[in-house]
Amino acid sequence: MLIIKTGIIVNILSIIVLLIGLFHSFEHPKHKANFGYIVAASMIMYILLLGIIAISELIANHNLYSLILFLCAISPFIIGKFVNYNSLKIYTTIQILCFLPSLIILLILQ
């Protein structure tokens, strides 16, 4: 139960970080680099926690929601395969749209 609540918090923080990156234009390269580290950290925490929750829900409860959570956890890798610098805002929007179903499912599982 604690890991699901932590997953909800990390999911919300990841969405907020991606929204900041979507709407803010970074003028200084140092600020852009620091923000990149924050995005990377939030994505790693999101992927790890969602993967752990998906595997534990599948094994413990045989819950089919866990398959959707697993797809959401690997979505950064799938979407990242097709992204380039010109389509970065589209990538970010699609990634936020992939984070929302996982947040809804985590709220249901809570």
C-alpha atoms as a PDB file:
ATOM      1  CA  MET A   1       0.000   0.000   0.000  1.00  0.00           C
ATOM      2  CA  LEU A   2       2.865   2.365   0.802  1.00  0.00           C
ATOM      3  CA  ILE A   3       4.513   1.682  -2.545  1.00  0.00           C
ATOM      4  CA  ILE A   4       1.290   2.528  -4.379  1.00  0.00           C
ATOM      5  CA  LYS A   5       1.053   5.859  -2.533  1.00  0.00           C
ATOM      6  CA  THR A   6       4.701   6.533  -3.350  1.00  0.00           C
ATOM      7  CA  GLY A   7       3.960   5.634  -6.970  1.00  0.00           C
ATOM      8  CA  ILE A   8       1.091   8.132  -7.024  1.00  0.00           C
ATOM      9  CA  ILE A   9       3.339  10.883  -5.666  1.00  0.00           C
ATOM     10  CA  VAL A  10       6.133  10.115  -8.143  1.00  0.00           C
ATOM     11  CA  ASN A  11       3.612   9.948 -10.984  1.00  0.00           C
ATOM     12  CA  ILE A  12       2.189  13.365 -10.119  1.00  0.00           C
ATOM     13  CA  LEU A  13       5.686  14.836  -9.744  1.00  0.00           C
ATOM     14  CA  SER A  14       6.705  13.389 -13.119  1.00  0.00           C
ATOM     15  CA  ILE A  15       3.670  14.925 -14.788  1.00  0.00           C
ATOM     16  CA  ILE A  16       4.435  18.306 -13.181  1.00  0.00           C
ATOM     17  CA  VAL A  17       8.086  18.136 -14.282  1.00  0.00           C
ATOM     18  CA  LEU A  18       7.082  17.311 -17.856  1.00  0.00           C
ATOM     19  CA  LEU A  19       4.520  20.117 -17.877  1.00  0.00           C
ATOM     20  CA  ILE A  20       7.178  22.581 -16.703  1.00  0.00           C
ATOM     21  CA  GLY A  21       9.443  21.435 -19.510  1.00  0.00           C
ATOM     22  CA  LEU A  22       6.606  21.734 -22.004  1.00  0.00           C
ATOM     23  CA  PHE A  23       5.668  25.308 -21.147  1.00  0.00           C
ATOM     24  CA  HIS A  24       8.961  26.860 -20.025  1.00  0.00           C
ATOM     25  CA  SER A  25      11.694  27.872 -22.440  1.00  0.00           C
ATOM     26  CA  PHE A  26      15.095  27.616 -20.826  1.00  0.00           C
ATOM     27  CA  GLU A  27      17.431  30.402 -21.927  1.00  0.00           C
ATOM     28  CA  HIS A  28      20.557  29.453 -19.999  1.00  0.00           C
ATOM     29  CA  PRO A  29      22.235  26.163 -20.912  1.00  0.00           C
ATOM     30  CA  LYS A  30      23.091  25.529 -17.266  1.00  0.00           C
ATOM     31  CA  HIS A  31      19.421  25.728 -16.257  1.00  0.00           C
ATOM     32  CA  LYS A  32      18.462  23.473 -19.154  1.00  0.00           C
ATOM     33  CA  ALA A  33      21.073  20.906 -18.083  1.00  0.00           C
ATOM     34  CA  ASN A  34      19.890  20.990 -14.463  1.00  0.00           C
ATOM     35  CA  PHE A  35      16.316  20.538 -15.600  1.00  0.00           C
ATOM     36  CA  GLY A  36      17.425  17.593 -17.734  1.00  0.00           C
ATOM     37  CA  TYR A  37      18.822  15.919 -14.625  1.00  0.00           C
ATOM     38  CA  ILE A  38      15.525  16.457 -12.831  1.00  0.00           C
ATOM     39  CA  VAL A  39      13.586  14.964 -15.760  1.00  0.00           C
ATOM     40  CA  ALA A  40      15.916  11.956 -15.864  1.00  0.00           C
ATOM     41  CA  ALA A  41      15.592  11.370 -12.111  1.00  0.00           C
ATOM     42  CA  SER A  42      11.806  11.613 -12.174  1.00  0.00           C
ATOM     43  CA  MET A  43      11.577   9.260 -15.174  1.00  0.00           C
ATOM     44  CA  ILE A  44      13.846   6.683 -13.534  1.00  0.00           C
ATOM     45  CA  MET A  45      11.827   6.778 -10.308  1.00  0.00           C
ATOM     46  CA  TYR A  46       8.596   6.532 -12.335  1.00  0.00           C
ATOM     47  CA  ILE A  47       9.793   3.543 -14.355  1.00  0.00           C
ATOM     48  CA  LEU A  48      11.182   1.678 -11.342  1.00  0.00           C
ATOM     49  CA  LEU A  49       8.184   2.225  -9.076  1.00  0.00           C
ATOM     50  CA  LEU A  50       5.629   1.505 -11.772  1.00  0.00           C
ATOM     51  CA  GLY A  51       7.497  -1.646 -12.782  1.00  0.00           C
ATOM     52  CA  ILE A  52       7.615  -2.859  -9.189  1.00  0.00           C
ATOM     53  CA  ILE A  53       3.927  -2.102  -8.665  1.00  0.00           C
ATOM     54  CA  ALA A  54       2.956  -3.785 -11.948  1.00  0.00           C
ATOM     55  CA  ILE A  55       4.923  -6.947 -11.175  1.00  0.00           C
ATOM     56  CA  SER A  56       3.684  -7.167  -7.578  1.00  0.00           C
ATOM     57  CA  GLU A  57       0.050  -6.609  -8.602  1.00  0.00           C
ATOM     58  CA  LEU A  58       0.328  -9.246 -11.312  1.00  0.00           C
ATOM     59  CA  ILE A  59       1.914 -11.820  -9.027  1.00  0.00           C
ATOM     60  CA  ALA A  60      -0.011 -11.113  -5.821  1.00  0.00           C
ATOM     61  CA  ASN A  61      -3.476 -10.182  -7.059  1.00  0.00           C
ATOM     62  CA  HIS A  62      -3.505 -11.397 -10.688  1.00  0.00           C
ATOM     63  CA  ASN A  63      -4.785  -7.943 -11.559  1.00  0.00           C
ATOM     64  CA  LEU A  64      -5.067  -7.103 -15.262  1.00  0.00           C
ATOM     65  CA  TYR A  65      -4.500  -3.428 -14.489  1.00  0.00           C
ATOM     66  CA  SER A  66      -0.894  -4.387 -13.968  1.00  0.00           C
ATOM     67  CA  LEU A  67      -0.484  -5.040 -17.688  1.00  0.00           C
ATOM     68  CA  ILE A  68      -1.528  -1.467 -18.433  1.00  0.00           C
ATOM     69  CA  LEU A  69       0.857  -0.248 -15.735  1.00  0.00           C
ATOM     70  CA  PHE A  70       3.644  -2.258 -17.343  1.00  0.00           C
ATOM     71  CA  LEU A  71       2.885  -0.690 -20.744  1.00  0.00           C
ATOM     72  CA  CYS A  72       2.954   2.759 -19.140  1.00  0.00           C
ATOM     73  CA  ALA A  73       6.291   1.911 -17.504  1.00  0.00           C
ATOM     74  CA  ILE A  74       7.913   0.999 -20.833  1.00  0.00           C
ATOM     75  CA  SER A  75       6.247   3.848 -22.733  1.00  0.00           C
ATOM     76  CA  PRO A  76       9.255   6.214 -22.366  1.00  0.00           C
ATOM     77  CA  PHE A  77      11.382   3.674 -24.224  1.00  0.00           C
ATOM     78  CA  ILE A  78       8.823   3.139 -26.974  1.00  0.00           C
ATOM     79  CA  ILE A  79       8.133   6.843 -27.476  1.00  0.00           C
ATOM     80  CA  GLY A  80      11.810   7.740 -27.124  1.00  0.00           C
ATOM     81  CA  LYS A  81      12.658   5.525 -30.080  1.00  0.00           C
ATOM     82  CA  PHE A  82      10.804   7.884 -32.428  1.00  0.00           C
ATOM     83  CA  VAL A  83      11.696  11.267 -30.948  1.00  0.00           C
ATOM     84  CA  ASN A  84      14.122  13.805 -32.324  1.00  0.00           C
ATOM     85  CA  TYR A  85      14.876  17.372 -31.315  1.00  0.00           C
ATOM     86  CA  ASN A  86      12.204  18.817 -33.629  1.00  0.00           C
ATOM     87  CA  SER A  87       9.433  16.659 -32.173  1.00  0.00           C
ATOM     88  CA  LEU A  88      10.362  17.069 -28.516  1.00  0.00           C
ATOM     89  CA  LYS A  89       7.190  18.959 -27.523  1.00  0.00           C
ATOM     90  CA  ILE A  90       5.037  16.312 -29.207  1.00  0.00           C
ATOM     91  CA  TYR A  91       6.999  13.621 -27.351  1.00  0.00           C
ATOM     92  CA  THR A  92       6.461  15.392 -24.050  1.00  0.00           C
ATOM     93  CA  THR A  93       2.718  15.732 -24.671  1.00  0.00           C
ATOM     94  CA  ILE A  94       2.382  12.054 -25.586  1.00  0.00           C
ATOM     95  CA  GLN A  95       4.414  11.091 -22.532  1.00  0.00           C
ATOM     96  CA  ILE A  96       2.110  13.097 -20.263  1.00  0.00           C
ATOM     97  CA  LEU A  97      -0.866  11.373 -21.882  1.00  0.00           C
ATOM     98  CA  CYS A  98       0.768   8.017 -21.093  1.00  0.00           C
ATOM     99  CA  PHE A  99       1.384   9.021 -17.483  1.00  0.00           C
ATOM    100  CA  LEU A 100      -2.266   9.914 -16.876  1.00  0.00           C
ATOM    101  CA  PRO A 101      -3.714   6.370 -17.277  1.00  0.00           C
ATOM    102  CA  SER A 102      -1.113   5.022 -14.883  1.00  0.00           C
ATOM    103  CA  LEU A 103      -2.066   7.685 -12.358  1.00  0.00           C
ATOM    104  CA  ILE A 104      -5.745   6.798 -12.695  1.00  0.00           C
ATOM    105  CA  ILE A 105      -5.003   3.089 -12.263  1.00  0.00           C
ATOM    106  CA  LEU A 106      -2.836   3.743  -9.211  1.00  0.00           C
ATOM    107  CA  LEU A 107      -5.659   5.779  -7.698  1.00  0.00           C
ATOM    108  CA  ILE A 108      -8.051   2.881  -8.362  1.00  0.00           C
ATOM    109  CA  LEU A 109      -5.661   0.366  -6.778  1.00  0.00           C
ATOM    110  CA  GLN A 110      -5.203   2.490  -3.689  1.00  0.00           C
END
